[in-house]
N, C-alpha and C. Protein backbone atom coordinates (compact mmCIF):
# COMPACT_ATOMS: atom_id res chain seq x y z
N MET A 1 94.64 87.09 124.53
CA MET A 1 93.93 88.28 125.02
C MET A 1 94.61 89.53 124.50
N PHE A 2 93.82 90.56 124.16
CA PHE A 2 94.41 91.72 123.53
C PHE A 2 94.12 93.01 124.28
N LEU A 3 93.91 92.92 125.59
CA LEU A 3 93.66 94.13 126.35
C LEU A 3 94.96 94.89 126.59
N VAL A 4 94.86 96.21 126.63
CA VAL A 4 96.03 97.07 126.81
C VAL A 4 95.84 97.91 128.06
N GLY A 5 96.80 97.82 128.98
CA GLY A 5 96.79 98.71 130.13
C GLY A 5 95.74 98.41 131.16
N VAL A 6 95.26 97.18 131.23
CA VAL A 6 94.24 96.84 132.22
C VAL A 6 94.90 96.56 133.55
N ARG A 7 94.50 97.32 134.59
CA ARG A 7 95.16 97.20 135.88
C ARG A 7 94.63 96.03 136.70
N ASP A 8 93.33 95.73 136.58
CA ASP A 8 92.72 94.71 137.42
C ASP A 8 93.06 93.33 136.89
N ARG A 9 93.93 92.62 137.61
CA ARG A 9 94.37 91.30 137.14
C ARG A 9 93.67 90.15 137.84
N THR A 10 92.65 90.42 138.64
CA THR A 10 91.92 89.34 139.29
C THR A 10 91.07 88.61 138.26
N ARG A 11 90.68 87.37 138.62
CA ARG A 11 89.87 86.59 137.71
C ARG A 11 88.55 87.28 137.40
N SER A 12 87.89 87.82 138.44
CA SER A 12 86.62 88.48 138.23
C SER A 12 86.79 89.74 137.41
N GLY A 13 87.91 90.45 137.66
CA GLY A 13 88.17 91.66 136.88
C GLY A 13 88.37 91.35 135.41
N LYS A 14 89.12 90.31 135.12
CA LYS A 14 89.32 89.91 133.73
C LYS A 14 88.01 89.49 133.09
N ASP A 15 87.17 88.78 133.84
CA ASP A 15 85.90 88.34 133.30
C ASP A 15 85.03 89.53 132.91
N VAL A 16 85.03 90.55 133.75
CA VAL A 16 84.24 91.74 133.46
C VAL A 16 84.74 92.42 132.19
N VAL A 17 86.05 92.56 132.08
CA VAL A 17 86.62 93.23 130.92
C VAL A 17 86.34 92.41 129.65
N GLU A 18 86.55 91.11 129.73
CA GLU A 18 86.32 90.26 128.56
C GLU A 18 84.86 90.33 128.14
N SER A 19 83.96 90.43 129.11
CA SER A 19 82.54 90.53 128.79
C SER A 19 82.26 91.83 128.04
N ARG A 20 82.89 92.91 128.46
CA ARG A 20 82.70 94.19 127.79
C ARG A 20 83.25 94.15 126.36
N VAL A 21 84.38 93.48 126.18
CA VAL A 21 84.94 93.37 124.84
C VAL A 21 84.02 92.54 123.95
N GLU A 22 83.47 91.48 124.49
CA GLU A 22 82.53 90.67 123.71
C GLU A 22 81.30 91.49 123.32
N THR A 23 80.88 92.39 124.20
CA THR A 23 79.76 93.28 123.87
C THR A 23 80.13 94.18 122.70
N LEU A 24 81.37 94.68 122.71
CA LEU A 24 81.85 95.49 121.60
C LEU A 24 81.83 94.70 120.30
N LEU A 25 82.32 93.47 120.35
CA LEU A 25 82.34 92.64 119.15
C LEU A 25 80.93 92.40 118.62
N ARG A 26 79.98 92.13 119.51
CA ARG A 26 78.60 91.92 119.08
C ARG A 26 78.03 93.18 118.43
N SER A 27 78.33 94.32 119.03
CA SER A 27 77.82 95.59 118.47
C SER A 27 78.38 95.83 117.08
N LEU A 28 79.66 95.56 116.91
CA LEU A 28 80.28 95.75 115.59
C LEU A 28 79.71 94.78 114.57
N ARG A 29 79.49 93.54 114.97
CA ARG A 29 78.91 92.56 114.04
C ARG A 29 77.53 93.02 113.58
N GLY A 30 76.80 93.66 114.50
CA GLY A 30 75.48 94.15 114.14
C GLY A 30 75.50 95.25 113.09
N LEU A 31 76.62 95.99 113.04
CA LEU A 31 76.75 97.07 112.06
C LEU A 31 77.24 96.58 110.70
N MET A 32 77.81 95.39 110.67
CA MET A 32 78.49 94.92 109.46
C MET A 32 77.51 94.32 108.45
N LYS A 33 76.43 95.06 108.21
CA LYS A 33 75.44 94.63 107.23
C LYS A 33 74.57 95.83 106.90
N GLY A 34 73.81 95.71 105.87
CA GLY A 34 72.83 96.74 105.54
C GLY A 34 73.45 98.07 105.16
N GLU A 35 72.77 99.15 105.55
CA GLU A 35 73.14 100.50 105.13
C GLU A 35 74.52 100.91 105.61
N VAL A 36 74.87 100.55 106.84
CA VAL A 36 76.18 100.94 107.37
C VAL A 36 77.29 100.26 106.58
N LYS A 37 77.14 98.99 106.31
CA LYS A 37 78.16 98.27 105.53
C LYS A 37 78.32 98.88 104.14
N ARG A 38 77.21 99.23 103.51
CA ARG A 38 77.29 99.83 102.18
C ARG A 38 78.03 101.16 102.24
N ALA A 39 77.77 101.93 103.28
CA ALA A 39 78.46 103.23 103.42
C ALA A 39 79.95 103.04 103.67
N VAL A 40 80.30 102.07 104.50
CA VAL A 40 81.71 101.78 104.76
C VAL A 40 82.41 101.33 103.48
N ASP A 41 81.79 100.40 102.77
CA ASP A 41 82.40 99.89 101.53
C ASP A 41 82.57 101.00 100.51
N SER A 42 81.59 101.88 100.41
CA SER A 42 81.68 102.99 99.47
C SER A 42 82.82 103.93 99.82
N ARG A 43 82.99 104.23 101.11
CA ARG A 43 84.06 105.13 101.52
C ARG A 43 85.43 104.51 101.24
N LEU A 44 85.56 103.22 101.47
CA LEU A 44 86.83 102.55 101.22
C LEU A 44 87.18 102.56 99.73
N LYS A 45 86.19 102.46 98.86
CA LYS A 45 86.43 102.56 97.43
C LYS A 45 86.92 103.95 97.06
N GLU A 46 86.38 104.98 97.74
CA GLU A 46 86.85 106.35 97.51
C GLU A 46 88.33 106.48 97.85
N PHE A 47 88.73 105.87 98.95
CA PHE A 47 90.13 105.94 99.37
C PHE A 47 91.04 105.30 98.34
N LYS A 48 90.64 104.16 97.81
CA LYS A 48 91.47 103.48 96.82
C LYS A 48 91.58 104.29 95.54
N ARG A 49 90.50 104.98 95.17
CA ARG A 49 90.55 105.83 93.97
C ARG A 49 91.52 106.99 94.17
N LEU A 50 91.58 107.53 95.39
CA LEU A 50 92.47 108.65 95.65
C LEU A 50 93.92 108.28 95.40
N ARG A 51 94.31 107.06 95.75
CA ARG A 51 95.69 106.64 95.54
C ARG A 51 96.06 106.68 94.05
N ARG A 52 95.08 106.52 93.19
CA ARG A 52 95.33 106.57 91.75
C ARG A 52 95.14 107.99 91.19
N GLY A 53 94.89 108.94 92.08
CA GLY A 53 94.64 110.31 91.64
C GLY A 53 95.91 111.05 91.29
N SER A 54 95.76 112.33 90.96
CA SER A 54 96.89 113.16 90.56
C SER A 54 97.76 113.48 91.78
N ASN A 55 98.98 113.91 91.49
CA ASN A 55 99.88 114.33 92.57
C ASN A 55 99.25 115.45 93.40
N GLU A 56 98.56 116.36 92.74
CA GLU A 56 97.94 117.47 93.45
C GLU A 56 96.84 116.99 94.38
N GLU A 57 96.02 116.07 93.95
CA GLU A 57 94.94 115.55 94.79
C GLU A 57 95.51 114.81 96.00
N ILE A 58 96.56 114.04 95.79
CA ILE A 58 97.20 113.33 96.90
C ILE A 58 97.77 114.34 97.90
N PHE A 59 98.39 115.40 97.38
CA PHE A 59 98.96 116.41 98.28
C PHE A 59 97.86 117.12 99.07
N LYS A 60 96.75 117.43 98.45
CA LYS A 60 95.66 118.10 99.18
C LYS A 60 95.11 117.21 100.29
N GLU A 61 95.15 115.91 100.07
CA GLU A 61 94.73 115.00 101.15
C GLU A 61 95.74 115.01 102.28
N LEU A 62 97.02 115.10 101.94
CA LEU A 62 98.04 115.25 102.98
C LEU A 62 97.79 116.51 103.79
N CYS A 63 97.43 117.61 103.12
CA CYS A 63 97.14 118.87 103.82
C CYS A 63 95.96 118.70 104.77
N PHE A 64 94.93 117.99 104.33
CA PHE A 64 93.80 117.70 105.22
C PHE A 64 94.27 117.02 106.49
N CYS A 65 95.14 116.03 106.35
CA CYS A 65 95.60 115.29 107.53
C CYS A 65 96.50 116.15 108.42
N ILE A 66 97.27 117.04 107.83
CA ILE A 66 98.05 117.99 108.64
C ILE A 66 97.10 118.87 109.46
N LEU A 67 95.99 119.26 108.86
CA LEU A 67 95.02 120.11 109.57
C LEU A 67 94.35 119.40 110.73
N THR A 68 94.24 118.07 110.68
CA THR A 68 93.47 117.34 111.69
C THR A 68 94.17 117.23 113.04
N ALA A 69 95.45 117.51 113.12
CA ALA A 69 96.17 117.36 114.40
C ALA A 69 95.57 118.30 115.45
N ASN A 70 95.05 117.70 116.52
CA ASN A 70 94.42 118.46 117.60
C ASN A 70 93.27 119.34 117.11
N PHE A 71 92.59 118.87 116.08
CA PHE A 71 91.49 119.62 115.50
C PHE A 71 90.50 118.64 114.88
N SER A 72 89.28 119.07 114.70
CA SER A 72 88.21 118.22 114.19
C SER A 72 88.47 117.78 112.75
N ALA A 73 88.30 116.48 112.51
CA ALA A 73 88.44 115.96 111.14
C ALA A 73 87.34 116.52 110.24
N GLU A 74 86.14 116.64 110.77
CA GLU A 74 85.03 117.16 109.96
C GLU A 74 85.26 118.63 109.59
N ARG A 75 85.71 119.42 110.53
CA ARG A 75 86.01 120.82 110.23
C ARG A 75 87.18 120.92 109.27
N SER A 76 88.16 120.04 109.43
CA SER A 76 89.31 120.04 108.52
C SER A 76 88.87 119.72 107.10
N ALA A 77 87.92 118.81 106.94
CA ALA A 77 87.41 118.47 105.61
C ALA A 77 86.70 119.67 104.98
N GLU A 78 85.97 120.42 105.79
CA GLU A 78 85.31 121.63 105.28
C GLU A 78 86.35 122.65 104.81
N ILE A 79 87.40 122.82 105.62
CA ILE A 79 88.46 123.76 105.25
C ILE A 79 89.17 123.30 103.99
N GLN A 80 89.41 122.00 103.88
CA GLN A 80 90.05 121.46 102.69
C GLN A 80 89.26 121.82 101.43
N ARG A 81 87.95 121.69 101.49
CA ARG A 81 87.11 122.02 100.34
C ARG A 81 87.20 123.52 100.01
N GLU A 82 87.23 124.34 101.04
CA GLU A 82 87.26 125.79 100.83
C GLU A 82 88.61 126.27 100.26
N VAL A 83 89.70 125.71 100.77
CA VAL A 83 91.03 126.15 100.35
C VAL A 83 91.38 125.61 98.98
N GLY A 84 91.11 124.35 98.73
CA GLY A 84 91.33 123.76 97.41
C GLY A 84 92.74 123.95 96.89
N GLN A 85 92.85 124.57 95.73
CA GLN A 85 94.15 124.77 95.09
C GLN A 85 95.06 125.69 95.90
N GLY A 86 94.49 126.43 96.83
CA GLY A 86 95.30 127.31 97.67
C GLY A 86 96.37 126.57 98.45
N PHE A 87 96.16 125.30 98.72
CA PHE A 87 97.18 124.51 99.39
C PHE A 87 98.47 124.45 98.55
N LEU A 88 98.30 124.61 97.25
CA LEU A 88 99.44 124.51 96.34
C LEU A 88 100.00 125.85 95.91
N THR A 89 99.25 126.93 96.11
CA THR A 89 99.63 128.21 95.53
C THR A 89 99.85 129.34 96.54
N LEU A 90 99.16 129.33 97.66
CA LEU A 90 99.22 130.45 98.59
C LEU A 90 100.53 130.45 99.37
N GLY A 91 101.05 131.65 99.65
CA GLY A 91 102.20 131.77 100.53
C GLY A 91 101.81 131.50 101.97
N VAL A 92 102.79 131.41 102.85
CA VAL A 92 102.52 131.07 104.25
C VAL A 92 101.55 132.06 104.87
N ALA A 93 101.82 133.36 104.71
CA ALA A 93 100.97 134.37 105.34
C ALA A 93 99.55 134.33 104.78
N GLU A 94 99.42 134.19 103.46
CA GLU A 94 98.10 134.12 102.84
C GLU A 94 97.34 132.88 103.29
N LEU A 95 98.03 131.75 103.31
CA LEU A 95 97.37 130.51 103.72
C LEU A 95 96.97 130.57 105.19
N ALA A 96 97.84 131.12 106.04
CA ALA A 96 97.52 131.25 107.46
C ALA A 96 96.29 132.13 107.65
N GLU A 97 96.19 133.20 106.90
CA GLU A 97 95.03 134.08 107.00
C GLU A 97 93.76 133.37 106.56
N LYS A 98 93.88 132.57 105.51
CA LYS A 98 92.73 131.81 105.02
C LYS A 98 92.28 130.78 106.06
N LEU A 99 93.24 130.07 106.65
CA LEU A 99 92.90 129.08 107.67
C LEU A 99 92.27 129.75 108.88
N LYS A 100 92.78 130.91 109.25
CA LYS A 100 92.23 131.65 110.39
C LYS A 100 90.77 132.04 110.13
N LYS A 101 90.50 132.58 108.94
CA LYS A 101 89.14 132.98 108.60
C LYS A 101 88.18 131.80 108.59
N LEU A 102 88.72 130.64 108.23
CA LEU A 102 87.89 129.43 108.18
C LEU A 102 87.77 128.73 109.53
N GLY A 103 88.42 129.28 110.55
CA GLY A 103 88.21 128.80 111.90
C GLY A 103 89.17 127.75 112.41
N HIS A 104 90.32 127.57 111.73
CA HIS A 104 91.26 126.58 112.25
C HIS A 104 91.92 127.09 113.52
N ARG A 105 92.16 126.19 114.45
CA ARG A 105 92.71 126.56 115.75
C ARG A 105 94.17 126.98 115.68
N TYR A 106 94.92 126.42 114.74
CA TYR A 106 96.36 126.70 114.65
C TYR A 106 96.73 127.13 113.23
N PRO A 107 96.24 128.25 112.76
CA PRO A 107 96.44 128.61 111.35
C PRO A 107 97.89 128.85 110.96
N ASN A 108 98.66 129.49 111.83
CA ASN A 108 100.01 129.87 111.44
C ASN A 108 100.94 128.67 111.28
N VAL A 109 100.96 127.81 112.28
CA VAL A 109 101.88 126.68 112.21
C VAL A 109 101.44 125.67 111.15
N ARG A 110 100.13 125.49 110.99
CA ARG A 110 99.67 124.55 109.95
C ARG A 110 100.02 125.08 108.56
N ALA A 111 99.91 126.39 108.37
CA ALA A 111 100.30 126.96 107.08
C ALA A 111 101.78 126.73 106.80
N GLU A 112 102.61 126.89 107.81
CA GLU A 112 104.05 126.64 107.65
C GLU A 112 104.31 125.19 107.26
N TYR A 113 103.65 124.26 107.95
CA TYR A 113 103.85 122.84 107.65
C TYR A 113 103.44 122.52 106.21
N ILE A 114 102.30 123.06 105.79
CA ILE A 114 101.78 122.75 104.46
C ILE A 114 102.69 123.30 103.36
N VAL A 115 103.12 124.53 103.51
CA VAL A 115 104.00 125.12 102.50
C VAL A 115 105.32 124.37 102.45
N GLU A 116 105.86 124.00 103.60
CA GLU A 116 107.10 123.23 103.62
C GLU A 116 106.93 121.88 102.93
N ALA A 117 105.76 121.26 103.10
CA ALA A 117 105.53 119.93 102.53
C ALA A 117 105.39 119.95 101.01
N ARG A 118 105.25 121.13 100.40
CA ARG A 118 105.09 121.20 98.95
C ARG A 118 106.26 120.59 98.18
N LYS A 119 107.39 120.48 98.83
CA LYS A 119 108.54 119.88 98.15
C LYS A 119 108.28 118.42 97.78
N TYR A 120 107.23 117.83 98.36
CA TYR A 120 106.92 116.43 98.07
C TYR A 120 105.75 116.27 97.11
N VAL A 121 105.20 117.37 96.58
CA VAL A 121 104.01 117.27 95.74
C VAL A 121 104.20 116.25 94.62
N ASP A 122 105.30 116.35 93.91
CA ASP A 122 105.50 115.51 92.72
C ASP A 122 106.04 114.12 93.02
N SER A 123 106.46 113.89 94.25
CA SER A 123 107.11 112.61 94.56
C SER A 123 106.38 111.78 95.61
N LEU A 124 105.39 112.38 96.29
CA LEU A 124 104.79 111.70 97.44
C LEU A 124 104.16 110.36 97.07
N GLY A 125 103.35 110.35 96.02
CA GLY A 125 102.68 109.10 95.65
C GLY A 125 103.67 108.01 95.29
N LYS A 126 104.68 108.35 94.52
CA LYS A 126 105.68 107.35 94.12
C LYS A 126 106.48 106.87 95.32
N THR A 127 106.86 107.78 96.21
CA THR A 127 107.62 107.39 97.40
C THR A 127 106.85 106.38 98.22
N LEU A 128 105.59 106.64 98.47
CA LEU A 128 104.79 105.71 99.27
C LEU A 128 104.59 104.39 98.53
N GLY A 129 104.49 104.45 97.21
CA GLY A 129 104.35 103.22 96.44
C GLY A 129 105.59 102.36 96.47
N ASP A 130 106.76 103.00 96.59
CA ASP A 130 108.02 102.26 96.60
C ASP A 130 108.31 101.64 97.97
N LEU A 131 107.72 102.21 99.02
CA LEU A 131 107.94 101.69 100.38
C LEU A 131 106.95 100.56 100.66
N ARG A 132 107.17 99.88 101.78
CA ARG A 132 106.32 98.76 102.16
C ARG A 132 105.89 98.87 103.62
N GLY A 133 104.63 98.52 103.88
CA GLY A 133 104.14 98.39 105.25
C GLY A 133 104.46 99.57 106.15
N GLU A 134 105.04 99.27 107.29
CA GLU A 134 105.34 100.27 108.30
C GLU A 134 106.34 101.32 107.82
N GLU A 135 107.13 100.97 106.80
CA GLU A 135 108.07 101.95 106.25
C GLU A 135 107.36 103.21 105.79
N ARG A 136 106.15 103.05 105.28
CA ARG A 136 105.41 104.21 104.78
C ARG A 136 105.12 105.20 105.92
N ARG A 137 104.62 104.70 107.03
CA ARG A 137 104.29 105.58 108.15
C ARG A 137 105.53 106.20 108.75
N GLU A 138 106.57 105.41 108.88
CA GLU A 138 107.81 105.93 109.45
C GLU A 138 108.38 107.05 108.56
N TRP A 139 108.29 106.88 107.26
CA TRP A 139 108.79 107.91 106.36
C TRP A 139 107.99 109.21 106.54
N LEU A 140 106.69 109.11 106.62
CA LEU A 140 105.85 110.29 106.78
C LEU A 140 106.14 111.02 108.09
N VAL A 141 106.22 110.27 109.18
CA VAL A 141 106.47 110.89 110.49
C VAL A 141 107.83 111.58 110.51
N LYS A 142 108.81 110.97 109.85
CA LYS A 142 110.16 111.51 109.85
C LYS A 142 110.31 112.72 108.92
N ASN A 143 109.60 112.72 107.79
CA ASN A 143 109.88 113.70 106.75
C ASN A 143 108.84 114.81 106.59
N VAL A 144 107.64 114.62 107.10
CA VAL A 144 106.59 115.63 106.94
C VAL A 144 106.27 116.24 108.29
N ARG A 145 106.69 117.47 108.49
CA ARG A 145 106.41 118.14 109.76
C ARG A 145 104.90 118.32 109.93
N GLY A 146 104.43 118.07 111.15
CA GLY A 146 103.01 118.17 111.43
C GLY A 146 102.29 116.84 111.45
N LEU A 147 102.97 115.78 111.03
CA LEU A 147 102.37 114.45 111.06
C LEU A 147 102.97 113.63 112.19
N GLY A 148 102.11 113.24 113.15
CA GLY A 148 102.49 112.22 114.11
C GLY A 148 101.95 110.88 113.63
N TYR A 149 101.95 109.89 114.51
CA TYR A 149 101.48 108.57 114.10
C TYR A 149 100.01 108.57 113.72
N LYS A 150 99.19 109.32 114.46
CA LYS A 150 97.77 109.36 114.13
C LYS A 150 97.54 109.99 112.76
N GLU A 151 98.15 111.15 112.53
CA GLU A 151 97.92 111.85 111.26
C GLU A 151 98.51 111.10 110.07
N ALA A 152 99.69 110.50 110.27
CA ALA A 152 100.28 109.70 109.19
C ALA A 152 99.41 108.48 108.88
N SER A 153 98.87 107.86 109.92
CA SER A 153 97.98 106.71 109.72
C SER A 153 96.71 107.14 109.00
N HIS A 154 96.18 108.31 109.37
CA HIS A 154 94.98 108.84 108.73
C HIS A 154 95.22 109.04 107.23
N PHE A 155 96.35 109.65 106.89
CA PHE A 155 96.67 109.88 105.49
C PHE A 155 96.80 108.56 104.73
N LEU A 156 97.50 107.61 105.30
CA LEU A 156 97.69 106.33 104.62
C LEU A 156 96.36 105.61 104.43
N ARG A 157 95.50 105.64 105.46
CA ARG A 157 94.18 105.03 105.31
C ARG A 157 93.40 105.71 104.18
N ASN A 158 93.46 107.04 104.13
CA ASN A 158 92.73 107.76 103.09
C ASN A 158 93.33 107.57 101.70
N MET A 159 94.55 107.06 101.67
CA MET A 159 95.20 106.70 100.40
C MET A 159 94.93 105.24 100.02
N GLY A 160 94.13 104.55 100.81
CA GLY A 160 93.77 103.19 100.46
C GLY A 160 94.61 102.11 101.09
N PHE A 161 95.54 102.47 101.98
CA PHE A 161 96.32 101.47 102.72
C PHE A 161 95.51 101.06 103.95
N THR A 162 95.42 99.78 104.22
CA THR A 162 94.39 99.30 105.14
C THR A 162 94.90 98.82 106.50
N ASP A 163 96.21 98.88 106.76
CA ASP A 163 96.73 98.26 107.99
C ASP A 163 97.28 99.27 108.99
N PHE A 164 96.62 100.42 109.09
CA PHE A 164 97.05 101.44 110.05
C PHE A 164 95.84 101.93 110.83
N ALA A 165 96.00 102.06 112.15
CA ALA A 165 94.91 102.51 113.01
C ALA A 165 95.00 104.01 113.25
N ILE A 166 93.86 104.68 113.24
CA ILE A 166 93.79 106.12 113.50
C ILE A 166 93.28 106.30 114.92
N LEU A 167 94.19 106.52 115.85
CA LEU A 167 93.81 106.57 117.26
C LEU A 167 93.46 108.00 117.67
N ASP A 168 92.30 108.46 117.19
CA ASP A 168 91.84 109.77 117.62
C ASP A 168 91.00 109.61 118.89
N PHE A 169 90.53 110.74 119.44
CA PHE A 169 89.87 110.67 120.75
C PHE A 169 88.56 109.91 120.69
N HIS A 170 87.86 109.90 119.54
CA HIS A 170 86.63 109.12 119.43
C HIS A 170 86.91 107.64 119.62
N VAL A 171 87.91 107.15 118.91
CA VAL A 171 88.26 105.73 119.00
C VAL A 171 88.78 105.38 120.39
N LEU A 172 89.64 106.22 120.94
CA LEU A 172 90.20 105.95 122.27
C LEU A 172 89.11 105.95 123.33
N ASP A 173 88.16 106.87 123.24
CA ASP A 173 87.04 106.88 124.20
C ASP A 173 86.25 105.59 124.12
N LEU A 174 86.01 105.12 122.90
CA LEU A 174 85.25 103.89 122.73
C LEU A 174 86.01 102.70 123.29
N LEU A 175 87.33 102.66 123.07
CA LEU A 175 88.13 101.55 123.58
C LEU A 175 88.16 101.55 125.11
N ARG A 176 88.19 102.73 125.72
CA ARG A 176 88.11 102.79 127.19
C ARG A 176 86.75 102.34 127.66
N GLU A 177 85.72 102.76 126.96
CA GLU A 177 84.35 102.43 127.34
C GLU A 177 84.13 100.92 127.38
N TYR A 178 84.77 100.21 126.47
CA TYR A 178 84.57 98.76 126.38
C TYR A 178 85.71 97.96 126.99
N GLY A 179 86.63 98.65 127.68
CA GLY A 179 87.65 97.92 128.44
C GLY A 179 88.82 97.42 127.65
N VAL A 180 88.95 97.81 126.38
CA VAL A 180 90.12 97.39 125.61
C VAL A 180 91.37 98.07 126.15
N ILE A 181 91.23 99.33 126.55
CA ILE A 181 92.28 100.04 127.28
C ILE A 181 91.65 100.63 128.54
N ASP A 182 92.46 100.87 129.55
CA ASP A 182 91.91 101.48 130.77
C ASP A 182 92.41 102.90 130.96
N ARG A 183 93.29 103.35 130.09
CA ARG A 183 93.83 104.70 130.16
C ARG A 183 94.41 105.03 128.80
N CYS A 184 94.71 106.27 128.60
CA CYS A 184 95.33 106.65 127.34
C CYS A 184 96.73 107.18 127.59
N GLY A 185 96.84 108.39 128.13
CA GLY A 185 98.14 108.98 128.34
C GLY A 185 98.78 109.36 127.02
N PRO A 186 100.02 109.83 127.05
CA PRO A 186 100.70 110.25 125.82
C PRO A 186 100.83 109.09 124.83
N LEU A 187 100.49 109.35 123.58
CA LEU A 187 100.55 108.29 122.57
C LEU A 187 101.91 108.32 121.87
N ARG A 188 102.93 107.99 122.62
CA ARG A 188 104.24 107.81 122.00
C ARG A 188 104.24 106.52 121.18
N LYS A 189 105.28 106.34 120.41
CA LYS A 189 105.29 105.26 119.42
C LYS A 189 104.95 103.91 120.04
N ARG A 190 105.60 103.54 121.12
CA ARG A 190 105.38 102.21 121.69
C ARG A 190 103.92 102.02 122.10
N ARG A 191 103.35 103.02 122.76
CA ARG A 191 101.96 102.94 123.21
C ARG A 191 101.02 102.89 122.02
N TYR A 192 101.29 103.71 121.02
CA TYR A 192 100.46 103.72 119.82
C TYR A 192 100.41 102.33 119.19
N LEU A 193 101.57 101.72 119.04
CA LEU A 193 101.64 100.42 118.38
C LEU A 193 100.98 99.33 119.22
N GLU A 194 101.05 99.45 120.55
CA GLU A 194 100.37 98.48 121.42
C GLU A 194 98.86 98.52 121.21
N ILE A 195 98.30 99.73 121.21
CA ILE A 195 96.85 99.86 121.02
C ILE A 195 96.46 99.45 119.60
N GLU A 196 97.27 99.83 118.64
CA GLU A 196 97.00 99.43 117.25
C GLU A 196 96.97 97.91 117.13
N ASN A 197 97.87 97.23 117.79
CA ASN A 197 97.89 95.77 117.73
C ASN A 197 96.64 95.17 118.36
N SER A 198 96.14 95.79 119.44
CA SER A 198 94.89 95.33 120.04
C SER A 198 93.74 95.47 119.06
N LEU A 199 93.70 96.60 118.36
CA LEU A 199 92.66 96.79 117.36
C LEU A 199 92.79 95.79 116.22
N ARG A 200 94.02 95.49 115.84
CA ARG A 200 94.24 94.52 114.77
C ARG A 200 93.65 93.16 115.17
N LYS A 201 93.83 92.77 116.43
CA LYS A 201 93.29 91.49 116.89
C LYS A 201 91.77 91.50 116.94
N ILE A 202 91.19 92.64 117.31
CA ILE A 202 89.73 92.76 117.25
C ILE A 202 89.27 92.61 115.81
N GLY A 203 89.96 93.28 114.89
CA GLY A 203 89.62 93.18 113.48
C GLY A 203 89.69 91.74 112.97
N GLU A 204 90.71 91.02 113.41
CA GLU A 204 90.85 89.62 112.98
C GLU A 204 89.66 88.79 113.43
N LYS A 205 89.15 89.07 114.62
CA LYS A 205 87.98 88.32 115.11
C LYS A 205 86.74 88.61 114.27
N LEU A 206 86.72 89.78 113.65
CA LEU A 206 85.55 90.19 112.87
C LEU A 206 85.75 90.04 111.36
N GLY A 207 86.96 89.68 110.94
CA GLY A 207 87.25 89.60 109.52
C GLY A 207 87.39 90.97 108.89
N LEU A 208 87.85 91.97 109.67
CA LEU A 208 88.00 93.34 109.19
C LEU A 208 89.46 93.76 109.24
N ASN A 209 89.90 94.53 108.25
CA ASN A 209 91.20 95.17 108.37
C ASN A 209 91.05 96.45 109.20
N LEU A 210 92.15 97.11 109.51
CA LEU A 210 92.09 98.28 110.38
C LEU A 210 91.35 99.45 109.75
N ALA A 211 91.43 99.59 108.44
CA ALA A 211 90.71 100.67 107.77
C ALA A 211 89.20 100.48 107.92
N GLU A 212 88.74 99.27 107.70
CA GLU A 212 87.32 98.97 107.86
C GLU A 212 86.89 99.16 109.31
N LEU A 213 87.67 98.60 110.23
CA LEU A 213 87.32 98.67 111.65
C LEU A 213 87.21 100.11 112.11
N ASP A 214 88.12 100.97 111.66
CA ASP A 214 88.08 102.37 112.08
C ASP A 214 86.75 103.02 111.71
N LEU A 215 86.26 102.77 110.51
CA LEU A 215 85.01 103.39 110.07
C LEU A 215 83.83 102.88 110.88
N TYR A 216 83.83 101.59 111.22
CA TYR A 216 82.75 101.06 112.05
C TYR A 216 82.82 101.63 113.48
N LEU A 217 84.02 101.75 114.02
CA LEU A 217 84.16 102.33 115.36
C LEU A 217 83.71 103.78 115.37
N TRP A 218 84.07 104.52 114.34
CA TRP A 218 83.64 105.91 114.24
C TRP A 218 82.12 106.00 114.19
N TYR A 219 81.51 105.11 113.43
CA TYR A 219 80.05 105.12 113.33
C TYR A 219 79.43 104.79 114.68
N MET A 220 79.98 103.83 115.39
CA MET A 220 79.47 103.50 116.71
C MET A 220 79.48 104.70 117.64
N LYS A 221 80.56 105.47 117.58
CA LYS A 221 80.75 106.59 118.51
C LYS A 221 79.98 107.84 118.07
N THR A 222 79.89 108.09 116.78
CA THR A 222 79.36 109.36 116.30
C THR A 222 78.08 109.26 115.47
N GLY A 223 77.77 108.05 115.00
CA GLY A 223 76.62 107.90 114.11
C GLY A 223 76.88 108.38 112.70
N ARG A 224 78.15 108.62 112.37
CA ARG A 224 78.52 109.13 111.05
C ARG A 224 79.72 108.36 110.52
N ILE A 225 79.88 108.42 109.20
CA ILE A 225 81.06 107.85 108.56
C ILE A 225 81.75 108.98 107.82
N VAL A 226 82.89 109.39 108.31
CA VAL A 226 83.63 110.48 107.68
C VAL A 226 85.00 109.97 107.27
N LYS A 227 85.69 110.79 106.49
CA LYS A 227 87.00 110.34 106.00
C LYS A 227 88.09 110.57 107.04
């Protein structure tokens, strides 16, 4: 069983929760074909191409993930398109002003994080390629200010690495809705990894890795497939 944080330990309570999880599995299986599957597969191919991209393109994707902390991923993607090369060239004050005009909630601190992270522009892709598995996420969380486990996982998924869960509020809401978790609370490392492991087991039942599963869960919750 892969439930996390379920308080009701009675037989009937477990039966209810397991039934809800089975409903989730059936819903996901229903999406794993046709137009939705084609869209998911196409997006995953985009992620793999990005890993083979230039150092600058990889860095701009890192900037996107820095922007997503406590902010909309869709809005962050719009800002990423608008700022473009400015992530590599603008000073802190100029970048903060640009982010503010584009509607980011935390323009000043995000600008500071992005400019500080420029020291990794030429080495980021190679560093991640030299590391293995969980080492990649741990390195990002330790060395790139502005990245927690969610944002680091998001970046790695968008770089084509498939074994990291992006526990944003859409996914967490869906997991609560179907009884996989009964609460969220602060997502410190231990809690994050517990929920990620539950998602990994769901993925195993469906033949999906975590990158694929995330896109299907997002589609279930929002009706869209975004990066």
